[in-house]
Amino acid sequence: MTARKAFLVLLVVFVGFWMFTDPDGLAAAATAGADQTWSLAQQLFTAIIDFVGALS
């Protein structure tokens, strides 16, 4: 088994364990991660628009 497969198996087991022991905590972490990802995407798109606007 390669290290990548082992890591994926451990990740799935960890998330599964977390889902059954603390589903509210997993949901809160997922929500926070999605919110942070969306915020970073907005910052990136704003920076790209500003950059392209400055080229004109």
Protein backbone atom coordinates (compact mmCIF):
# COMPACT_ATOMS: atom_id res chain seq x y z
CA MET A 1 0.00 0.00 0.00
CA THR A 2 1.45 3.33 -0.98
CA ALA A 3 1.72 6.21 1.43
CA ARG A 4 -0.94 8.14 -0.48
CA LYS A 5 -3.48 5.33 -0.16
CA ALA A 6 -2.65 4.91 3.51
CA PHE A 7 -3.15 8.62 4.10
CA LEU A 8 -6.52 8.57 2.32
CA VAL A 9 -7.66 5.56 4.36
CA LEU A 10 -6.64 7.27 7.60
CA LEU A 11 -8.41 10.46 6.54
CA VAL A 12 -11.65 8.61 5.76
CA VAL A 13 -11.48 6.72 9.07
CA PHE A 14 -10.83 9.96 10.98
CA VAL A 15 -13.72 11.83 9.33
CA GLY A 16 -16.02 8.84 9.84
CA PHE A 17 -15.07 8.63 13.51
CA TRP A 18 -15.57 12.39 13.90
CA MET A 19 -18.95 12.17 12.16
CA PHE A 20 -20.25 9.57 14.60
CA THR A 21 -18.73 10.99 17.79
CA ASP A 22 -19.28 14.75 17.25
CA PRO A 23 -21.49 15.50 14.25
CA ASP A 24 -22.15 19.08 15.40
CA GLY A 25 -18.43 19.77 15.63
CA LEU A 26 -17.85 18.34 12.16
CA ALA A 27 -20.67 20.46 10.74
CA ALA A 28 -19.28 23.58 12.41
CA ALA A 29 -15.79 22.87 11.07
CA ALA A 30 -17.13 22.25 7.57
CA THR A 31 -19.14 25.47 7.67
CA ALA A 32 -16.17 27.48 8.89
CA GLY A 33 -13.95 25.96 6.20
CA ALA A 34 -16.48 26.72 3.47
CA ASP A 35 -16.90 30.30 4.72
CA GLN A 36 -13.14 30.83 4.74
CA THR A 37 -12.78 29.34 1.26
CA TRP A 38 -15.52 31.61 -0.09
CA SER A 39 -13.89 34.65 1.53
CA LEU A 40 -10.53 33.80 -0.04
CA ALA A 41 -12.17 33.28 -3.44
CA GLN A 42 -13.83 36.70 -3.19
CA GLN A 43 -10.49 38.31 -2.31
CA LEU A 44 -8.81 36.57 -5.23
CA PHE A 45 -11.47 37.65 -7.73
CA THR A 46 -11.39 41.22 -6.43
CA ALA A 47 -7.61 41.30 -6.78
CA ILE A 48 -7.80 39.94 -10.34
CA ILE A 49 -10.45 42.52 -11.30
CA ASP A 50 -8.35 45.33 -9.77
CA PHE A 51 -5.26 44.08 -11.60
CA VAL A 52 -7.00 43.85 -14.96
CA GLY A 53 -8.58 47.27 -14.36
CA ALA A 54 -5.17 48.76 -13.65
CA LEU A 55 -3.84 47.44 -16.97
CA SER A 56 -6.37 49.54 -18.92
